[in-house]
Amino acid sequence: MNLAFVALGSNLGNSREVLLQAMKRLEPLSESPVRLSRIIQTEPVDCPPGSPPFLNAVAGLRPHPGETPESLLEKLQQIETELGRRRSGVRNEARAIDLDLIAFGQQTRSTSHLILPHPRAHLRRFVLEPLAEIAPDFILPGQSETISELLAKAD
């Protein structure tokens, strides 16, 4: 089975601790040990003015049999809630935790709740850099270049 990739981000509160807690909570969602990138600090992208820097990482997990992108997304959103994510409706606001499903193997989706692969993952250095650590040769659905190749071209 293919891996699912989850981007983790935080720029509110004790971001490092929240990311570490989120990483631990991903373990039961994987059939094998979760692949984890290092945690990097990045500048906010498309966020409200004055937003603090982010800590970002990527996790690769092997979904359990029967898991779907939709069911995994629901579990990721539950983890966000448990770790203090509050949604006010402000786009890209500061947040304690953000867990984005970047890819679920080679599956694609385009619904009101889920777009796979994540529509901007191939453009965002804060996703590509940690993803390249754990899956440099992965090719996102709809792309023709590996993660490493995309990273080399990223702003």
N, C-alpha and C. Protein backbone atom coordinates (compact mmCIF):
# COMPACT_ATOMS: atom_id res chain seq x y z
N MET A 1 0.85 -1.19 0.00
CA MET A 1 0.00 0.00 0.00
C MET A 1 0.89 1.24 0.00
N ASN A 2 0.40 2.27 -0.61
CA ASN A 2 1.13 3.53 -0.67
C ASN A 2 1.04 4.29 0.64
N LEU A 3 1.96 5.21 0.79
CA LEU A 3 1.97 6.05 1.97
C LEU A 3 1.01 7.23 1.82
N ALA A 4 0.54 7.70 2.95
CA ALA A 4 -0.19 8.96 3.03
C ALA A 4 0.76 9.96 3.66
N PHE A 5 0.74 11.19 3.18
CA PHE A 5 1.63 12.23 3.71
C PHE A 5 0.81 13.33 4.33
N VAL A 6 1.23 13.72 5.54
CA VAL A 6 0.53 14.73 6.31
C VAL A 6 1.52 15.85 6.61
N ALA A 7 1.15 17.08 6.26
CA ALA A 7 1.96 18.25 6.62
C ALA A 7 1.47 18.75 7.96
N LEU A 8 2.42 19.03 8.86
CA LEU A 8 2.11 19.53 10.19
C LEU A 8 2.64 20.96 10.30
N GLY A 9 1.85 21.84 10.89
CA GLY A 9 2.28 23.21 11.08
C GLY A 9 1.70 23.79 12.34
N SER A 10 2.43 24.74 12.93
CA SER A 10 1.96 25.43 14.12
C SER A 10 2.67 26.77 14.23
N ASN A 11 1.92 27.81 14.59
CA ASN A 11 2.54 29.11 14.87
C ASN A 11 1.85 29.83 16.01
N LEU A 12 1.29 29.07 16.93
CA LEU A 12 0.59 29.64 18.07
C LEU A 12 0.85 28.76 19.28
N GLY A 13 1.24 29.37 20.39
CA GLY A 13 1.53 28.60 21.60
C GLY A 13 2.89 27.94 21.53
N ASN A 14 3.03 26.82 22.26
CA ASN A 14 4.29 26.07 22.26
C ASN A 14 4.29 25.14 21.05
N SER A 15 4.64 25.70 19.91
CA SER A 15 4.52 24.99 18.64
C SER A 15 5.30 23.69 18.59
N ARG A 16 6.52 23.70 19.11
CA ARG A 16 7.33 22.48 19.07
C ARG A 16 6.65 21.35 19.85
N GLU A 17 6.17 21.66 21.03
CA GLU A 17 5.51 20.64 21.85
C GLU A 17 4.23 20.14 21.19
N VAL A 18 3.47 21.04 20.60
CA VAL A 18 2.23 20.64 19.93
C VAL A 18 2.54 19.74 18.74
N LEU A 19 3.58 20.08 17.97
CA LEU A 19 3.94 19.23 16.83
C LEU A 19 4.38 17.84 17.30
N LEU A 20 5.15 17.80 18.37
CA LEU A 20 5.58 16.50 18.89
C LEU A 20 4.38 15.66 19.36
N GLN A 21 3.41 16.31 20.01
CA GLN A 21 2.20 15.60 20.43
C GLN A 21 1.42 15.09 19.21
N ALA A 22 1.32 15.92 18.19
CA ALA A 22 0.60 15.51 16.98
C ALA A 22 1.30 14.32 16.34
N MET A 23 2.62 14.35 16.29
CA MET A 23 3.37 13.24 15.70
C MET A 23 3.08 11.94 16.44
N LYS A 24 3.01 11.99 17.75
CA LYS A 24 2.69 10.79 18.54
C LYS A 24 1.28 10.29 18.23
N ARG A 25 0.35 11.22 18.05
CA ARG A 25 -1.03 10.83 17.78
C ARG A 25 -1.22 10.26 16.38
N LEU A 26 -0.26 10.48 15.50
CA LEU A 26 -0.33 9.88 14.16
C LEU A 26 0.06 8.40 14.19
N GLU A 27 0.85 7.99 15.18
CA GLU A 27 1.36 6.62 15.22
C GLU A 27 0.26 5.56 15.13
N PRO A 28 -0.85 5.68 15.90
CA PRO A 28 -1.89 4.64 15.79
C PRO A 28 -2.60 4.61 14.44
N LEU A 29 -2.42 5.64 13.63
CA LEU A 29 -3.07 5.69 12.32
C LEU A 29 -2.27 4.99 11.24
N SER A 30 -1.11 4.43 11.62
CA SER A 30 -0.20 3.84 10.63
C SER A 30 0.06 2.37 10.92
N GLU A 31 0.09 1.58 9.86
CA GLU A 31 0.39 0.15 9.95
C GLU A 31 1.86 -0.11 10.27
N SER A 32 2.72 0.85 10.00
CA SER A 32 4.15 0.71 10.25
C SER A 32 4.64 2.00 10.89
N PRO A 33 5.87 2.02 11.39
CA PRO A 33 6.36 3.24 12.02
C PRO A 33 6.20 4.46 11.10
N VAL A 34 5.76 5.55 11.69
CA VAL A 34 5.55 6.79 10.95
C VAL A 34 6.92 7.36 10.55
N ARG A 35 7.05 7.76 9.31
CA ARG A 35 8.26 8.44 8.85
C ARG A 35 8.10 9.92 9.19
N LEU A 36 9.09 10.49 9.87
CA LEU A 36 8.98 11.88 10.29
C LEU A 36 10.16 12.69 9.78
N SER A 37 9.86 13.85 9.25
CA SER A 37 10.91 14.80 8.88
C SER A 37 11.36 15.52 10.15
N ARG A 38 12.40 16.29 10.01
CA ARG A 38 12.77 17.18 11.10
C ARG A 38 11.77 18.34 11.12
N ILE A 39 11.76 19.08 12.19
CA ILE A 39 10.91 20.26 12.32
C ILE A 39 11.72 21.46 11.85
N ILE A 40 11.12 22.24 10.95
CA ILE A 40 11.80 23.43 10.44
C ILE A 40 10.98 24.68 10.77
N GLN A 41 11.65 25.81 10.86
CA GLN A 41 10.95 27.08 11.06
C GLN A 41 10.83 27.78 9.71
N THR A 42 9.64 28.29 9.43
CA THR A 42 9.39 28.95 8.15
C THR A 42 8.61 30.23 8.36
N GLU A 43 8.71 31.11 7.40
CA GLU A 43 7.94 32.35 7.43
C GLU A 43 6.51 32.07 6.97
N PRO A 44 5.53 32.80 7.50
CA PRO A 44 4.14 32.59 7.08
C PRO A 44 3.96 32.88 5.58
N VAL A 45 3.10 32.10 4.94
CA VAL A 45 2.78 32.28 3.53
C VAL A 45 1.28 32.50 3.42
N ASP A 46 0.89 33.57 2.76
CA ASP A 46 -0.53 33.90 2.55
C ASP A 46 -1.31 33.99 3.86
N CYS A 47 -0.66 34.53 4.91
CA CYS A 47 -1.29 34.67 6.22
C CYS A 47 -1.58 36.14 6.50
N PRO A 48 -2.45 36.41 7.49
CA PRO A 48 -2.73 37.80 7.85
C PRO A 48 -1.44 38.53 8.26
N PRO A 49 -1.37 39.84 8.03
CA PRO A 49 -0.18 40.60 8.42
C PRO A 49 0.15 40.41 9.90
N GLY A 50 1.44 40.32 10.20
CA GLY A 50 1.89 40.17 11.58
C GLY A 50 1.84 38.75 12.10
N SER A 51 1.53 37.79 11.25
CA SER A 51 1.48 36.39 11.69
C SER A 51 2.88 35.93 12.10
N PRO A 52 2.97 35.18 13.20
CA PRO A 52 4.27 34.68 13.65
C PRO A 52 4.79 33.56 12.74
N PRO A 53 6.11 33.29 12.80
CA PRO A 53 6.68 32.19 12.02
C PRO A 53 6.04 30.85 12.40
N PHE A 54 6.14 29.92 11.48
CA PHE A 54 5.62 28.57 11.68
C PHE A 54 6.74 27.61 12.01
N LEU A 55 6.39 26.54 12.69
CA LEU A 55 7.19 25.33 12.72
C LEU A 55 6.44 24.34 11.85
N ASN A 56 7.17 23.67 10.95
CA ASN A 56 6.57 22.74 10.01
C ASN A 56 7.32 21.42 9.98
N ALA A 57 6.60 20.37 9.63
CA ALA A 57 7.18 19.04 9.45
C ALA A 57 6.23 18.26 8.53
N VAL A 58 6.69 17.09 8.11
CA VAL A 58 5.85 16.19 7.32
C VAL A 58 5.98 14.78 7.90
N ALA A 59 4.86 14.08 7.93
CA ALA A 59 4.84 12.68 8.37
C ALA A 59 4.33 11.82 7.23
N GLY A 60 4.93 10.64 7.10
CA GLY A 60 4.46 9.66 6.13
C GLY A 60 3.95 8.45 6.89
N LEU A 61 2.73 8.05 6.63
CA LEU A 61 2.18 6.89 7.33
C LEU A 61 1.58 5.91 6.35
N ARG A 62 1.52 4.67 6.78
CA ARG A 62 0.94 3.60 5.97
C ARG A 62 -0.47 3.33 6.52
N PRO A 63 -1.50 3.83 5.83
CA PRO A 63 -2.87 3.70 6.35
C PRO A 63 -3.28 2.25 6.57
N HIS A 64 -4.11 2.05 7.58
CA HIS A 64 -4.65 0.73 7.87
C HIS A 64 -5.56 0.27 6.73
N PRO A 65 -5.71 -1.05 6.55
CA PRO A 65 -6.64 -1.55 5.54
C PRO A 65 -8.03 -0.95 5.75
N GLY A 66 -8.64 -0.55 4.67
CA GLY A 66 -9.98 0.03 4.74
C GLY A 66 -9.99 1.53 4.97
N GLU A 67 -8.86 2.10 5.32
CA GLU A 67 -8.79 3.55 5.52
C GLU A 67 -8.95 4.24 4.17
N THR A 68 -9.70 5.31 4.17
CA THR A 68 -9.88 6.11 2.96
C THR A 68 -9.31 7.50 3.22
N PRO A 69 -9.08 8.27 2.18
CA PRO A 69 -8.64 9.65 2.42
C PRO A 69 -9.63 10.41 3.30
N GLU A 70 -10.90 10.19 3.08
CA GLU A 70 -11.92 10.89 3.86
C GLU A 70 -11.90 10.49 5.33
N SER A 71 -11.75 9.20 5.60
CA SER A 71 -11.73 8.76 7.00
C SER A 71 -10.45 9.22 7.69
N LEU A 72 -9.33 9.24 6.96
CA LEU A 72 -8.09 9.75 7.54
C LEU A 72 -8.19 11.24 7.82
N LEU A 73 -8.77 12.00 6.90
CA LEU A 73 -8.95 13.44 7.12
C LEU A 73 -9.78 13.69 8.37
N GLU A 74 -10.82 12.92 8.56
CA GLU A 74 -11.65 13.07 9.75
C GLU A 74 -10.83 12.85 11.03
N LYS A 75 -9.97 11.85 11.01
CA LYS A 75 -9.11 11.58 12.18
C LYS A 75 -8.10 12.69 12.39
N LEU A 76 -7.56 13.25 11.32
CA LEU A 76 -6.62 14.36 11.44
C LEU A 76 -7.32 15.58 12.04
N GLN A 77 -8.54 15.84 11.61
CA GLN A 77 -9.28 16.98 12.15
C GLN A 77 -9.62 16.78 13.62
N GLN A 78 -9.85 15.54 14.04
CA GLN A 78 -10.10 15.24 15.44
C GLN A 78 -8.84 15.52 16.27
N ILE A 79 -7.69 15.12 15.76
CA ILE A 79 -6.42 15.41 16.45
C ILE A 79 -6.23 16.92 16.58
N GLU A 80 -6.51 17.65 15.51
CA GLU A 80 -6.40 19.12 15.57
C GLU A 80 -7.26 19.67 16.70
N THR A 81 -8.50 19.23 16.79
CA THR A 81 -9.41 19.71 17.82
C THR A 81 -8.87 19.37 19.21
N GLU A 82 -8.41 18.14 19.38
CA GLU A 82 -7.88 17.70 20.68
C GLU A 82 -6.64 18.51 21.09
N LEU A 83 -5.89 18.99 20.11
CA LEU A 83 -4.67 19.74 20.41
C LEU A 83 -4.88 21.25 20.40
N GLY A 84 -6.13 21.68 20.37
CA GLY A 84 -6.43 23.10 20.56
C GLY A 84 -6.71 23.91 19.32
N ARG A 85 -6.93 23.28 18.18
CA ARG A 85 -7.24 24.03 16.96
C ARG A 85 -8.65 24.60 17.08
N ARG A 86 -8.76 25.89 16.88
CA ARG A 86 -10.05 26.56 16.87
C ARG A 86 -10.18 27.27 15.53
N ARG A 87 -11.25 27.03 14.84
CA ARG A 87 -11.46 27.64 13.52
C ARG A 87 -12.42 28.83 13.66
N SER A 88 -11.93 30.01 13.30
CA SER A 88 -12.77 31.20 13.38
C SER A 88 -13.30 31.62 12.02
N GLY A 89 -12.78 30.99 10.97
CA GLY A 89 -13.20 31.35 9.63
C GLY A 89 -12.21 32.29 8.94
N VAL A 90 -11.22 32.80 9.68
CA VAL A 90 -10.21 33.66 9.08
C VAL A 90 -9.21 32.77 8.35
N ARG A 91 -9.03 33.04 7.06
CA ARG A 91 -8.16 32.21 6.23
C ARG A 91 -6.70 32.34 6.67
N ASN A 92 -6.05 31.19 6.89
CA ASN A 92 -4.62 31.09 7.23
C ASN A 92 -4.23 31.85 8.49
N GLU A 93 -5.16 31.94 9.44
CA GLU A 93 -4.86 32.62 10.70
C GLU A 93 -3.86 31.80 11.52
N ALA A 94 -3.26 32.45 12.54
CA ALA A 94 -2.36 31.73 13.45
C ALA A 94 -3.14 30.58 14.07
N ARG A 95 -2.44 29.44 14.26
CA ARG A 95 -3.12 28.26 14.78
C ARG A 95 -2.17 27.39 15.57
N ALA A 96 -2.74 26.74 16.58
CA ALA A 96 -1.95 25.85 17.43
C ALA A 96 -1.46 24.65 16.63
N ILE A 97 -2.29 24.15 15.74
CA ILE A 97 -1.92 22.97 14.95
C ILE A 97 -2.71 22.97 13.64
N ASP A 98 -2.03 22.55 12.60
CA ASP A 98 -2.65 22.38 11.30
C ASP A 98 -2.13 21.07 10.74
N LEU A 99 -3.02 20.16 10.43
CA LEU A 99 -2.66 18.87 9.84
C LEU A 99 -3.33 18.78 8.48
N ASP A 100 -2.52 18.90 7.43
CA ASP A 100 -3.05 18.84 6.07
C ASP A 100 -2.70 17.52 5.43
N LEU A 101 -3.70 16.84 4.89
CA LEU A 101 -3.47 15.63 4.13
C LEU A 101 -2.96 16.06 2.75
N ILE A 102 -1.69 15.78 2.49
CA ILE A 102 -1.03 16.21 1.26
C ILE A 102 -1.29 15.21 0.13
N ALA A 103 -1.17 13.95 0.46
CA ALA A 103 -1.39 12.89 -0.54
C ALA A 103 -1.76 11.61 0.18
N PHE A 104 -2.51 10.77 -0.52
CA PHE A 104 -2.91 9.45 -0.03
C PHE A 104 -2.58 8.50 -1.17
N GLY A 105 -1.30 8.07 -1.19
CA GLY A 105 -0.82 7.29 -2.31
C GLY A 105 -1.01 8.07 -3.59
N GLN A 106 -1.55 7.42 -4.61
CA GLN A 106 -1.79 8.09 -5.88
C GLN A 106 -3.27 8.45 -6.08
N GLN A 107 -4.04 8.37 -4.98
CA GLN A 107 -5.46 8.69 -5.09
C GLN A 107 -5.66 10.18 -5.28
N THR A 108 -6.72 10.53 -5.98
CA THR A 108 -7.10 11.93 -6.17
C THR A 108 -8.53 12.13 -5.69
N ARG A 109 -8.80 13.34 -5.26
CA ARG A 109 -10.14 13.73 -4.83
C ARG A 109 -10.33 15.20 -5.20
N SER A 110 -11.57 15.57 -5.44
CA SER A 110 -11.92 16.97 -5.63
C SER A 110 -13.36 17.15 -5.17
N THR A 111 -13.50 17.33 -3.86
CA THR A 111 -14.82 17.55 -3.27
C THR A 111 -14.76 18.84 -2.46
N SER A 112 -15.89 19.22 -1.91
CA SER A 112 -15.92 20.44 -1.09
C SER A 112 -15.13 20.27 0.20
N HIS A 113 -14.88 19.02 0.62
CA HIS A 113 -14.18 18.76 1.88
C HIS A 113 -12.73 18.33 1.69
N LEU A 114 -12.39 17.85 0.51
CA LEU A 114 -11.05 17.29 0.34
C LEU A 114 -10.60 17.38 -1.12
N ILE A 115 -9.41 17.95 -1.29
CA ILE A 115 -8.76 17.96 -2.60
C ILE A 115 -7.43 17.24 -2.44
N LEU A 116 -7.24 16.19 -3.25
CA LEU A 116 -5.98 15.43 -3.23
C LEU A 116 -5.44 15.32 -4.64
N PRO A 117 -4.12 15.48 -4.79
CA PRO A 117 -3.21 15.90 -3.74
C PRO A 117 -3.55 17.33 -3.32
N HIS A 118 -2.99 17.76 -2.19
CA HIS A 118 -3.22 19.12 -1.74
C HIS A 118 -2.89 20.06 -2.89
N PRO A 119 -3.78 21.00 -3.22
CA PRO A 119 -3.63 21.77 -4.46
C PRO A 119 -2.40 22.67 -4.54
N ARG A 120 -1.79 23.04 -3.42
CA ARG A 120 -0.62 23.92 -3.47
C ARG A 120 0.65 23.25 -2.94
N ALA A 121 0.58 21.99 -2.59
CA ALA A 121 1.74 21.31 -2.00
C ALA A 121 2.96 21.38 -2.90
N HIS A 122 2.77 21.23 -4.20
CA HIS A 122 3.90 21.20 -5.13
C HIS A 122 4.58 22.55 -5.30
N LEU A 123 3.99 23.60 -4.73
CA LEU A 123 4.53 24.95 -4.84
C LEU A 123 5.14 25.47 -3.54
N ARG A 124 4.89 24.80 -2.45
CA ARG A 124 5.22 25.34 -1.14
C ARG A 124 6.48 24.71 -0.54
N ARG A 125 7.50 25.54 -0.40
CA ARG A 125 8.77 25.08 0.16
C ARG A 125 8.57 24.48 1.56
N PHE A 126 7.67 25.06 2.36
CA PHE A 126 7.47 24.57 3.72
C PHE A 126 6.85 23.18 3.76
N VAL A 127 6.31 22.71 2.64
CA VAL A 127 5.85 21.33 2.51
C VAL A 127 6.93 20.49 1.82
N LEU A 128 7.47 21.01 0.74
CA LEU A 128 8.43 20.25 -0.07
C LEU A 128 9.72 19.93 0.68
N GLU A 129 10.24 20.89 1.45
CA GLU A 129 11.52 20.65 2.13
C GLU A 129 11.44 19.49 3.12
N PRO A 130 10.47 19.48 4.04
CA PRO A 130 10.40 18.31 4.93
C PRO A 130 9.96 17.03 4.20
N LEU A 131 9.09 17.15 3.19
CA LEU A 131 8.66 15.98 2.44
C LEU A 131 9.84 15.34 1.70
N ALA A 132 10.75 16.17 1.20
CA ALA A 132 11.93 15.65 0.50
C ALA A 132 12.83 14.84 1.42
N GLU A 133 12.78 15.10 2.72
CA GLU A 133 13.59 14.33 3.68
C GLU A 133 13.10 12.89 3.79
N ILE A 134 11.79 12.69 3.68
CA ILE A 134 11.24 11.35 3.92
C ILE A 134 10.78 10.65 2.65
N ALA A 135 10.58 11.41 1.56
CA ALA A 135 10.10 10.80 0.30
C ALA A 135 10.61 11.59 -0.90
N PRO A 136 11.92 11.68 -1.06
CA PRO A 136 12.47 12.52 -2.13
C PRO A 136 12.06 12.10 -3.54
N ASP A 137 11.78 10.83 -3.75
CA ASP A 137 11.45 10.33 -5.08
C ASP A 137 9.95 10.19 -5.34
N PHE A 138 9.15 10.57 -4.35
CA PHE A 138 7.69 10.50 -4.51
C PHE A 138 7.25 11.52 -5.57
N ILE A 139 6.29 11.13 -6.38
CA ILE A 139 5.70 12.02 -7.36
C ILE A 139 4.23 12.20 -7.00
N LEU A 140 3.86 13.44 -6.70
CA LEU A 140 2.47 13.74 -6.38
C LEU A 140 1.58 13.44 -7.59
N PRO A 141 0.39 12.92 -7.36
CA PRO A 141 -0.52 12.71 -8.48
C PRO A 141 -0.69 14.01 -9.28
N GLY A 142 -0.63 13.88 -10.60
CA GLY A 142 -0.79 15.04 -11.47
C GLY A 142 0.51 15.78 -11.77
N GLN A 143 1.58 15.40 -11.08
CA GLN A 143 2.89 16.02 -11.31
C GLN A 143 3.76 15.05 -12.10
N SER A 144 4.80 15.55 -12.71
CA SER A 144 5.72 14.68 -13.45
C SER A 144 7.11 14.68 -12.83
N GLU A 145 7.32 15.53 -11.82
CA GLU A 145 8.63 15.64 -11.18
C GLU A 145 8.57 15.12 -9.75
N THR A 146 9.71 14.62 -9.29
CA THR A 146 9.79 14.12 -7.92
C THR A 146 9.74 15.30 -6.94
N ILE A 147 9.53 14.97 -5.69
CA ILE A 147 9.53 15.99 -4.64
C ILE A 147 10.86 16.73 -4.64
N SER A 148 11.97 16.02 -4.77
CA SER A 148 13.29 16.67 -4.80
C SER A 148 13.41 17.64 -5.96
N GLU A 149 12.90 17.25 -7.11
CA GLU A 149 12.95 18.14 -8.29
C GLU A 149 12.07 19.37 -8.09
N LEU A 150 10.89 19.18 -7.51
CA LEU A 150 10.02 20.32 -7.22
C LEU A 150 10.67 21.26 -6.22
N LEU A 151 11.31 20.69 -5.20
CA LEU A 151 11.99 21.51 -4.19
C LEU A 151 13.08 22.35 -4.81
N ALA A 152 13.83 21.78 -5.72
CA ALA A 152 14.93 22.50 -6.36
C ALA A 152 14.43 23.74 -7.11
N LYS A 153 13.17 23.72 -7.54
CA LYS A 153 12.60 24.83 -8.29
C LYS A 153 11.76 25.77 -7.43
N ALA A 154 11.50 25.41 -6.18
CA ALA A 154 10.60 26.18 -5.32
C ALA A 154 11.22 27.52 -4.92
N ASP A 155 10.33 28.50 -4.69
CA ASP A 155 10.78 29.81 -4.20
C ASP A 155 11.23 29.69 -2.76
